[in-house]
């Protein structure tokens, strides 16, 4: 290290010759003048040429030049050279780290993991070559996490193994399917059970999964030509049947999510397909809409807000019928209920990462609404609020903590077109279960006990 410092100091010394010559010349001249003047004034100088003063000035000049050069070299040797070496080594280290991180990121692979939250099975009997076979339909609610580099799930694969034979599946859409769940709630000092109808939302294959943002959604598969011996009734597989669920990342690399029997997997509830044309609830609440606008719930996402707290971010997609499609401004108002009462009256909601109260949509656009924060002890309501700063305004929602286990949220969308036409309000109910493994779902209808 000392050799490097000396070499750097010599390089600096040789690289600034003009500065050193100018500095030493000034120092020599100034030293010679001051010493010669002092000798001449205060010394006993004989008449004539003051050789003593001249000689003293020359000596002072030489010494001043040598001292100046020594000081300059000392500065290079003990100050600038170590500083330069430190800065250069730091820059090299940072550059090396950046190159290493870039190379690591190029070679890094995502590690998708997940779990099956619940599974529901149904089957239909078919005759094939005079043998009784079954089309088996499996509907999963799954959660996927990722511990390394961000990725997306490009596709899913489900295989069913029975008596050494692998039965592949075909993935279908969950659009139009609903699940009926039974929930307990307290009313009039009694525990009663009500049925809630929840819309199934497809697992979001087009959204990144990171180490702070997991994804959850529904998957539906059909396994064809399954022998009747593999089924235990219409809604169960026999213990010997094995499921293998695989997720493929954005590079089409496989990740095993689950392999095992159905033993220990929770049921989801009764899953049905409802024809929107005959949905009485929609007929009863339908309002004339000149543009046939829909504001469809397409995703139920989470993002980490803090330790033990997650933000709920349902995604909505704005659609219109073929023809003229107006741009709209949408505001969201929120009400919060529990099993027996209203916990918060209507308040303005927050669009995710938006500083303004409304969000603008064109047909096909999607937006995430900050439904609230969920934690072990309950939820936190997020009311729209901005504060003035030196840079303008910043979003600063008012937070209200609500303790409890189960909640229901009504979101009312207030829409106005770019032509100032006020459109009929759209409504969406959500059911929320707080806790270490929180869950929220979109409901098709208002919970019966809140009617």
Protein backbone atom coordinates (compact mmCIF):
# COMPACT_ATOMS: atom_id res chain seq x y z
CA UNK A 1 0.00 0.00 0.00
CA UNK A 2 2.87 2.39 0.86
CA UNK A 3 4.45 1.74 -2.56
CA UNK A 4 1.13 2.58 -4.25
CA UNK A 5 0.89 5.83 -2.30
CA UNK A 6 4.45 6.82 -3.17
CA UNK A 7 3.90 6.00 -6.83
CA UNK A 8 0.68 8.03 -6.85
CA UNK A 9 2.44 10.95 -5.12
CA UNK A 10 5.28 10.92 -7.69
CA UNK A 11 2.75 10.82 -10.51
CA UNK A 12 0.95 13.81 -9.04
CA UNK A 13 4.25 15.63 -8.46
CA UNK A 14 5.37 15.07 -12.06
CA UNK A 15 1.97 15.86 -13.44
CA UNK A 16 1.77 19.38 -11.98
CA UNK A 17 5.17 20.80 -12.97
CA UNK A 18 3.81 24.19 -14.01
CA UNK A 19 2.03 24.69 -10.69
CA UNK A 20 5.09 23.62 -8.71
CA UNK A 21 7.47 25.89 -10.70
CA UNK A 22 5.18 28.87 -10.29
CA UNK A 23 4.72 28.22 -6.57
CA UNK A 24 8.44 27.69 -5.93
CA UNK A 25 9.39 30.79 -7.99
CA UNK A 26 6.99 32.93 -6.01
CA UNK A 27 8.20 31.44 -2.73
CA UNK A 28 11.86 31.92 -3.70
CA UNK A 29 11.36 35.52 -4.79
CA UNK A 30 9.35 36.38 -1.71
CA UNK A 31 11.84 34.65 0.65
CA UNK A 32 14.82 36.36 -1.01
CA UNK A 33 13.19 39.76 -0.85
CA UNK A 34 12.15 39.46 2.78
CA UNK A 35 15.51 38.08 4.03
CA UNK A 36 17.61 40.49 1.97
CA UNK A 37 15.50 43.40 3.14
CA UNK A 38 15.79 42.31 6.77
CA UNK A 39 19.57 41.95 6.52
CA UNK A 40 19.91 45.26 4.79
CA UNK A 41 17.71 47.16 7.22
CA UNK A 42 18.69 45.56 10.51
CA UNK A 43 22.23 44.36 9.75
CA UNK A 44 25.42 46.36 9.74
CA UNK A 45 25.96 46.72 6.03
CA UNK A 46 29.04 48.68 4.80
CA UNK A 47 28.70 51.32 2.16
CA UNK A 48 28.63 50.10 -1.40
CA UNK A 49 27.11 46.95 -2.82
CA UNK A 50 25.35 44.93 -0.03
CA UNK A 51 26.91 41.55 -0.86
CA UNK A 52 25.81 40.15 2.50
CA UNK A 53 22.18 40.94 1.84
CA UNK A 54 22.38 39.55 -1.69
CA UNK A 55 23.98 36.32 -0.46
CA UNK A 56 21.39 35.95 2.30
CA UNK A 57 18.62 36.54 -0.25
CA UNK A 58 20.02 33.84 -2.55
CA UNK A 59 20.23 31.34 0.29
CA UNK A 60 16.68 32.23 1.38
CA UNK A 61 15.45 31.82 -2.19
CA UNK A 62 16.98 28.36 -2.49
CA UNK A 63 15.66 27.32 0.91
CA UNK A 64 12.19 28.79 0.15
CA UNK A 65 12.03 26.93 -3.16
CA UNK A 66 13.14 23.66 -1.54
CA UNK A 67 10.71 24.10 1.36
CA UNK A 68 7.84 24.89 -1.04
CA UNK A 69 8.53 21.82 -3.16
CA UNK A 70 8.79 19.70 -0.01
CA UNK A 71 5.44 21.01 1.25
CA UNK A 72 3.81 20.35 -2.13
CA UNK A 73 5.22 16.81 -2.29
CA UNK A 74 4.21 16.20 1.32
CA UNK A 75 0.67 17.27 0.50
CA UNK A 76 0.62 14.90 -2.47
CA UNK A 77 2.24 12.12 -0.43
CA UNK A 78 0.12 12.26 2.72
CA UNK A 79 -3.17 13.89 1.64
CA UNK A 80 -4.07 13.80 -2.04
CA UNK A 81 -2.48 10.49 -3.04
CA UNK A 82 -4.25 8.44 -0.30
CA UNK A 83 -7.49 10.28 -1.03
CA UNK A 84 -7.21 9.59 -4.76
CA UNK A 85 -6.42 5.93 -4.15
CA UNK A 86 -9.37 5.63 -1.75
CA UNK A 87 -11.79 7.27 -4.18
CA UNK A 88 -10.50 5.20 -7.11
CA UNK A 89 -10.71 1.95 -5.16
CA UNK A 90 -14.24 2.88 -3.99
CA UNK A 91 -15.33 3.63 -7.57
CA UNK A 92 -13.81 0.36 -8.75
CA UNK A 93 -15.53 -1.52 -5.95
CA UNK A 94 -18.92 0.06 -6.71
CA UNK A 95 -18.50 -0.65 -10.42
CA UNK A 96 -17.51 -4.24 -9.66
CA UNK A 97 -20.53 -4.67 -7.37
CA UNK A 98 -22.85 -3.25 -10.04
CA UNK A 99 -21.42 -5.58 -12.67
CA UNK A 100 -21.72 -8.49 -10.26
CA UNK A 101 -25.34 -7.59 -9.43
CA UNK A 102 -26.15 -7.22 -13.13
CA UNK A 103 -24.60 -10.58 -13.92
CA UNK A 104 -26.32 -12.17 -10.93
CA UNK A 105 -29.67 -10.72 -12.03
CA UNK A 106 -29.13 -12.11 -15.53
CA UNK A 107 -28.42 -15.57 -14.20
CA UNK A 108 -30.86 -15.48 -11.27
CA UNK A 109 -33.96 -17.61 -11.46
CA UNK A 110 -37.28 -16.96 -9.76
CA UNK A 111 -38.40 -19.37 -7.05
CA UNK A 112 -42.15 -19.57 -7.34
CA UNK A 113 -43.89 -21.23 -4.44
CA UNK A 114 -47.49 -21.41 -3.40
CA UNK A 115 -50.29 -23.23 -1.71
CA UNK A 116 -53.77 -24.45 -2.48
CA UNK A 117 -56.15 -22.54 -0.23
CA UNK A 118 -59.14 -24.66 -1.18
CA UNK A 119 -60.32 -27.16 -3.80
CA UNK A 120 -63.77 -28.07 -5.07
CA UNK A 121 -64.44 -31.08 -7.31
CA UNK A 122 -67.38 -32.00 -9.51
CA UNK A 123 -67.80 -34.57 -12.26
CA UNK A 124 -70.09 -35.62 -15.09
CA UNK A 125 -70.48 -39.15 -16.43
CA UNK A 126 -69.84 -39.85 -20.12
CA UNK A 127 -69.84 -43.05 -22.15
CA UNK A 128 -66.72 -43.72 -24.17
CA UNK A 129 -66.27 -46.91 -26.15
CA UNK A 130 -69.06 -48.51 -24.07
CA UNK A 131 -67.09 -47.78 -20.88
CA UNK A 132 -68.24 -45.38 -18.24
CA UNK A 133 -65.79 -42.48 -17.97
CA UNK A 134 -65.97 -39.14 -16.20
CA UNK A 135 -65.08 -35.56 -16.93
CA UNK A 136 -63.74 -34.32 -13.61
CA UNK A 137 -63.76 -30.57 -12.93
CA UNK A 138 -61.36 -29.22 -10.29
CA UNK A 139 -61.59 -25.63 -9.12
CA UNK A 140 -58.75 -24.26 -6.99
CA UNK A 141 -58.17 -21.08 -5.05
CA UNK A 142 -54.36 -20.69 -5.00
CA UNK A 143 -51.76 -18.25 -3.68
CA UNK A 144 -48.35 -17.83 -5.34
CA UNK A 145 -45.27 -16.25 -3.76
CA UNK A 146 -41.77 -15.53 -5.01
CA UNK A 147 -38.58 -15.17 -2.96
CA UNK A 148 -36.13 -13.94 -5.64
CA UNK A 149 -36.30 -12.03 -8.92
CA UNK A 150 -39.75 -10.79 -10.03
CA UNK A 151 -41.62 -12.95 -12.51
CA UNK A 152 -45.11 -13.72 -13.78
CA UNK A 153 -46.97 -16.99 -14.07
CA UNK A 154 -47.24 -17.61 -17.80
CA UNK A 155 -49.34 -20.78 -17.54
CA UNK A 156 -50.50 -23.58 -15.24
CA UNK A 157 -50.47 -27.34 -15.60
CA UNK A 158 -52.45 -29.88 -13.60
CA UNK A 159 -51.87 -33.63 -13.83
CA UNK A 160 -53.95 -36.28 -12.10
CA UNK A 161 -52.30 -39.64 -11.44
CA UNK A 162 -54.42 -42.73 -10.89
CA UNK A 163 -53.08 -46.30 -10.74
CA UNK A 164 -49.84 -45.32 -12.45
CA UNK A 165 -51.56 -43.54 -15.33
CA UNK A 166 -51.20 -39.78 -15.80
CA UNK A 167 -54.36 -37.95 -16.83
CA UNK A 168 -53.60 -34.46 -18.20
CA UNK A 169 -56.05 -31.63 -17.84
CA UNK A 170 -57.38 -28.73 -19.85
CA UNK A 171 -57.60 -25.35 -18.16
CA UNK A 172 -60.89 -23.50 -18.43
CA UNK A 173 -62.08 -20.01 -17.52
CA UNK A 174 -63.73 -19.19 -14.21
CA UNK A 175 -65.68 -16.31 -15.69
CA UNK A 176 -69.34 -16.64 -14.82
CA UNK A 177 -68.70 -19.02 -11.93
CA UNK A 178 -69.60 -18.24 -8.34
CA UNK A 179 -69.07 -19.97 -5.02
CA UNK A 180 -71.66 -20.12 -2.27
CA UNK A 181 -70.13 -20.06 1.21
CA UNK A 182 -71.78 -20.36 4.58
CA UNK A 183 -70.72 -17.82 7.20
CA UNK A 184 -71.68 -17.51 10.83
CA UNK A 185 -72.61 -14.13 12.29
CA UNK A 186 -74.13 -12.89 15.48
CA UNK A 187 -77.65 -11.47 15.50
CA UNK A 188 -80.03 -11.02 18.41
CA UNK A 189 -77.67 -12.86 20.80
CA UNK A 190 -77.70 -15.90 18.51
CA UNK A 191 -75.32 -17.35 15.98
CA UNK A 192 -76.91 -17.59 12.56
CA UNK A 193 -75.60 -18.84 9.24
CA UNK A 194 -76.00 -16.99 5.98
CA UNK A 195 -75.03 -17.86 2.41
CA UNK A 196 -72.73 -15.44 0.61
CA UNK A 197 -72.28 -15.70 -3.16
CA UNK A 198 -68.77 -14.74 -4.29
CA UNK A 199 -67.62 -14.26 -7.89
CA UNK A 200 -64.57 -16.25 -8.91
CA UNK A 201 -61.71 -14.07 -10.16
CA UNK A 202 -59.09 -15.59 -12.46
CA UNK A 203 -55.52 -15.91 -11.22
CA UNK A 204 -53.69 -12.86 -12.69
CA UNK A 205 -51.18 -14.35 -15.14
CA UNK A 206 -50.15 -10.92 -16.48
CA UNK A 207 -48.96 -9.41 -13.18
CA UNK A 208 -45.53 -9.63 -11.56
CA UNK A 209 -45.02 -11.64 -8.40
CA UNK A 210 -42.27 -10.25 -6.16
CA UNK A 211 -40.95 -10.98 -2.69
CA UNK A 212 -43.31 -8.32 -1.30
CA UNK A 213 -46.32 -8.79 -3.56
CA UNK A 214 -47.92 -12.21 -3.85
CA UNK A 215 -50.87 -13.07 -6.07
CA UNK A 216 -53.99 -15.11 -5.44
CA UNK A 217 -56.84 -16.24 -7.67
CA UNK A 218 -58.96 -19.08 -8.98
CA UNK A 219 -58.04 -21.86 -11.42
CA UNK A 220 -60.39 -24.32 -13.08
CA UNK A 221 -59.33 -27.53 -14.86
CA UNK A 222 -61.10 -30.40 -16.56
CA UNK A 223 -59.59 -33.90 -16.46
CA UNK A 224 -61.24 -36.04 -19.12
CA UNK A 225 -61.89 -39.78 -19.40
CA UNK A 226 -61.25 -40.46 -15.74
CA UNK A 227 -62.35 -43.96 -14.60
CA UNK A 228 -65.25 -44.04 -12.16
CA UNK A 229 -63.06 -46.02 -9.75
CA UNK A 230 -60.97 -42.88 -9.16
CA UNK A 231 -63.96 -41.01 -7.77
CA UNK A 232 -65.55 -41.33 -4.35
CA UNK A 233 -68.94 -39.92 -5.23
CA UNK A 234 -69.48 -36.93 -7.49
CA UNK A 235 -67.39 -34.47 -5.46
CA UNK A 236 -64.36 -36.37 -4.15
CA UNK A 237 -61.30 -38.17 -5.44
CA UNK A 238 -60.16 -41.39 -3.84
CA UNK A 239 -57.18 -41.25 -1.49
CA UNK A 240 -55.00 -43.09 -4.01
CA UNK A 241 -55.40 -40.33 -6.62
CA UNK A 242 -52.54 -37.80 -6.73
CA UNK A 243 -52.62 -34.21 -7.95
CA UNK A 244 -49.61 -32.35 -9.34
CA UNK A 245 -50.02 -28.59 -9.88
CA UNK A 246 -47.20 -26.78 -11.71
CA UNK A 247 -46.75 -23.06 -12.41
CA UNK A 248 -44.53 -21.90 -15.28
CA UNK A 249 -42.73 -18.57 -14.92
CA UNK A 250 -42.17 -15.92 -17.61
CA UNK A 251 -39.21 -17.94 -18.98
CA UNK A 252 -41.43 -21.03 -19.10
CA UNK A 253 -39.47 -22.75 -16.33
CA UNK A 254 -41.64 -25.08 -14.20
CA UNK A 255 -42.20 -24.67 -10.44
CA UNK A 256 -43.97 -27.35 -8.44
CA UNK A 257 -46.73 -25.78 -6.36
CA UNK A 258 -48.38 -28.91 -5.00
CA UNK A 259 -48.05 -32.68 -5.30
CA UNK A 260 -50.11 -35.01 -3.17
CA UNK A 261 -53.58 -36.30 -2.53
CA UNK A 262 -56.66 -34.24 -1.76
CA UNK A 263 -56.51 -35.27 1.89
CA UNK A 264 -56.14 -32.19 4.08
CA UNK A 265 -57.20 -29.73 1.36
CA UNK A 266 -60.09 -27.53 2.47
CA UNK A 267 -63.26 -27.29 0.45
CA UNK A 268 -64.28 -24.01 -1.16
CA UNK A 269 -68.06 -24.27 -1.08
CA UNK A 270 -70.67 -24.97 -3.73
CA UNK A 271 -69.51 -23.68 -7.11
CA UNK A 272 -72.09 -22.85 -9.75
CA UNK A 273 -72.29 -21.11 -13.09
CA UNK A 274 -74.87 -18.34 -13.20
CA UNK A 275 -76.18 -17.03 -16.48
CA UNK A 276 -76.08 -13.20 -16.25
CA UNK A 277 -79.18 -13.02 -18.43
CA UNK A 278 -81.20 -14.85 -15.78
CA UNK A 279 -79.54 -13.42 -12.69
CA UNK A 280 -82.54 -12.02 -10.83
CA UNK A 281 -80.40 -9.81 -8.63
CA UNK A 282 -78.97 -8.03 -11.65
CA UNK A 283 -82.38 -7.71 -13.22
CA UNK A 284 -83.75 -6.13 -10.05
CA UNK A 285 -80.91 -3.62 -9.76
CA UNK A 286 -80.44 -2.90 -13.46
CA UNK A 287 -80.61 0.75 -14.47
CA UNK A 288 -80.86 2.03 -18.02
CA UNK A 289 -77.34 2.70 -19.30
CA UNK A 290 -77.00 4.26 -22.78
CA UNK A 291 -73.43 2.99 -23.17
CA UNK A 292 -73.86 -0.48 -21.61
CA UNK A 293 -70.90 0.17 -19.32
CA UNK A 294 -69.43 -2.53 -17.10
CA UNK A 295 -66.90 -2.09 -14.33
CA UNK A 296 -65.69 -5.65 -13.88
CA UNK A 297 -63.74 -7.01 -10.93
CA UNK A 298 -60.77 -8.82 -12.54
CA UNK A 299 -58.24 -9.31 -9.74
CA UNK A 300 -57.77 -9.54 -5.98
CA UNK A 301 -54.22 -8.42 -5.27
CA UNK A 302 -52.19 -7.72 -2.15
CA UNK A 303 -49.13 -5.59 -1.51
CA UNK A 304 -47.00 -5.35 1.63
CA UNK A 305 -47.70 -2.12 3.53
CA UNK A 306 -45.61 -2.83 6.63
CA UNK A 307 -44.73 -5.59 9.07
CA UNK A 308 -47.77 -7.81 9.46
CA UNK A 309 -49.95 -5.44 7.38
CA UNK A 310 -51.05 -5.88 3.76
CA UNK A 311 -52.91 -3.55 1.45
CA UNK A 312 -55.90 -4.97 -0.43
CA UNK A 313 -55.89 -3.89 -4.08
CA UNK A 314 -58.86 -5.18 -6.09
CA UNK A 315 -58.48 -4.50 -9.81
CA UNK A 316 -61.36 -3.23 -11.94
CA UNK A 317 -61.61 -3.12 -15.73
CA UNK A 318 -63.76 -0.60 -17.58
CA UNK A 319 -65.60 -1.97 -20.62
CA UNK A 320 -68.30 -0.73 -22.98
CA UNK A 321 -70.39 -2.25 -25.72
CA UNK A 322 -69.21 -1.98 -29.37
CA UNK A 323 -69.61 1.51 -30.74
CA UNK A 324 -68.95 4.85 -29.11
CA UNK A 325 -66.98 4.41 -25.90
CA UNK A 326 -66.82 7.48 -23.64
CA UNK A 327 -63.90 8.32 -21.40
CA UNK A 328 -65.05 8.41 -17.81
CA UNK A 329 -63.90 9.82 -14.49
CA UNK A 330 -64.60 7.43 -11.64
CA UNK A 331 -64.75 8.18 -7.92
CA UNK A 332 -65.08 5.43 -5.35
CA UNK A 333 -67.00 5.78 -2.08
CA UNK A 334 -66.67 3.10 0.60
CA UNK A 335 -68.81 1.84 3.49
CA UNK A 336 -67.64 -0.75 6.01
CA UNK A 337 -69.80 -3.24 7.94
CA UNK A 338 -69.21 -6.14 10.29
CA UNK A 339 -71.53 -9.06 11.01
CA UNK A 340 -74.11 -6.90 12.74
CA UNK A 341 -73.68 -3.19 12.06
CA UNK A 342 -72.12 -0.42 10.01
CA UNK A 343 -68.62 0.36 11.26
CA UNK A 344 -67.89 3.36 9.03
CA UNK A 345 -70.30 5.54 7.09
CA UNK A 346 -69.57 6.39 3.48
CA UNK A 347 -66.17 8.01 2.92
CA UNK A 348 -64.06 8.82 -0.17
CA UNK A 349 -61.82 5.99 -1.35
CA UNK A 350 -58.28 6.05 -2.72
CA UNK A 351 -57.11 4.89 -6.13
CA UNK A 352 -53.74 3.17 -5.78
CA UNK A 353 -50.82 5.60 -6.29
CA UNK A 354 -53.13 8.42 -7.35
CA UNK A 355 -53.01 11.90 -5.82
CA UNK A 356 -56.38 12.90 -7.24
CA UNK A 357 -59.82 11.86 -6.02
CA UNK A 358 -60.97 10.42 -9.36
CA UNK A 359 -59.34 8.16 -11.94
CA UNK A 360 -59.78 8.48 -15.69
CA UNK A 361 -60.61 5.40 -17.77
CA UNK A 362 -60.88 4.57 -21.45
CA UNK A 363 -62.49 1.32 -22.55
CA UNK A 364 -60.17 -1.56 -21.66
CA UNK A 365 -58.28 0.35 -18.94
CA UNK A 366 -57.79 -1.18 -15.50
CA UNK A 367 -57.28 0.44 -12.11
CA UNK A 368 -56.45 -0.74 -8.58
CA UNK A 369 -58.53 0.56 -5.68
CA UNK A 370 -57.00 0.73 -2.19
CA UNK A 371 -59.76 -1.17 -0.42
CA UNK A 372 -57.96 -0.89 2.94
CA UNK A 373 -55.22 -2.50 5.01
CA UNK A 374 -55.65 -5.88 6.65
CA UNK A 375 -53.80 -7.08 9.76
CA UNK A 376 -54.06 -9.82 12.37
CA UNK A 377 -56.45 -7.88 14.62
CA UNK A 378 -58.70 -6.34 11.96
CA UNK A 379 -58.55 -3.85 9.10
CA UNK A 380 -57.51 -0.23 8.58
CA UNK A 381 -59.78 2.05 6.54
CA UNK A 382 -57.98 4.44 4.15
CA UNK A 383 -59.85 7.70 3.52
CA UNK A 384 -58.72 9.96 0.68
CA UNK A 385 -56.69 12.94 1.89
CA UNK A 386 -53.87 15.08 0.45
CA UNK A 387 -51.48 17.45 2.17
CA UNK A 388 -49.71 20.47 0.71
CA UNK A 389 -45.94 20.23 0.38
CA UNK A 390 -43.18 22.32 -1.15
CA UNK A 391 -43.49 20.21 -4.30
CA UNK A 392 -47.25 20.61 -4.57
CA UNK A 393 -49.44 17.95 -2.91
CA UNK A 394 -48.84 14.45 -1.60
CA UNK A 395 -51.30 11.67 -0.93
CA UNK A 396 -51.70 11.13 2.83
CA UNK A 397 -54.78 8.96 3.54
CA UNK A 398 -56.52 9.23 6.89
CA UNK A 399 -56.21 5.83 8.57
CA UNK A 400 -58.86 4.40 10.90
CA UNK A 401 -58.21 1.11 12.70
CA UNK A 402 -61.16 -1.27 13.03
CA UNK A 403 -60.77 -4.35 15.24
CA UNK A 404 -62.56 -7.55 14.35
CA UNK A 405 -62.34 -10.76 12.37
CA UNK A 406 -64.91 -10.49 9.57
CA UNK A 407 -65.91 -7.40 7.60
CA UNK A 408 -68.01 -6.48 4.59
CA UNK A 409 -67.20 -3.52 2.34
CA UNK A 410 -69.48 -1.82 -0.17
CA UNK A 411 -67.77 0.19 -2.91
CA UNK A 412 -69.97 2.61 -4.87
CA UNK A 413 -68.46 3.87 -8.14
CA UNK A 414 -69.65 7.34 -9.19
CA UNK A 415 -69.00 7.90 -12.90
CA UNK A 416 -69.13 10.91 -15.19
CA UNK A 417 -68.26 10.91 -18.91
CA UNK A 418 -66.00 13.38 -20.69
CA UNK A 419 -69.22 15.01 -21.98
CA UNK A 420 -70.36 15.64 -18.39
CA UNK A 421 -73.00 12.90 -18.50
CA UNK A 422 -73.56 11.33 -15.08
CA UNK A 423 -73.82 7.54 -15.39
CA UNK A 424 -75.65 5.12 -13.09
CA UNK A 425 -73.62 4.10 -10.04
CA UNK A 426 -71.93 0.69 -10.05
CA UNK A 427 -71.66 -1.28 -6.81
CA UNK A 428 -69.36 -4.03 -5.63
CA UNK A 429 -69.46 -5.89 -2.31
CA UNK A 430 -66.44 -7.52 -0.70
CA UNK A 431 -66.09 -10.00 2.14
CA UNK A 432 -62.93 -9.79 4.28
CA UNK A 433 -61.48 -12.20 6.82
CA UNK A 434 -58.62 -10.70 8.88
CA UNK A 435 -55.83 -12.67 10.53
CA UNK A 436 -52.34 -14.06 9.84
CA UNK A 437 -53.65 -15.49 6.54
CA UNK A 438 -56.04 -12.72 5.44
CA UNK A 439 -58.47 -13.21 2.60
CA UNK A 440 -60.89 -11.00 0.74
CA UNK A 441 -63.31 -11.89 -2.03
CA UNK A 442 -65.74 -10.15 -4.33
CA UNK A 443 -69.38 -10.86 -3.50
CA UNK A 444 -72.09 -11.17 -6.14
CA UNK A 445 -74.85 -9.91 -3.85
CA UNK A 446 -75.29 -7.91 -0.70
CA UNK A 447 -74.86 -10.13 2.38
CA UNK A 448 -78.35 -11.24 3.43
CA UNK A 449 -77.94 -10.24 7.07
CA UNK A 450 -77.21 -6.64 6.01
CA UNK A 451 -80.38 -6.26 3.98
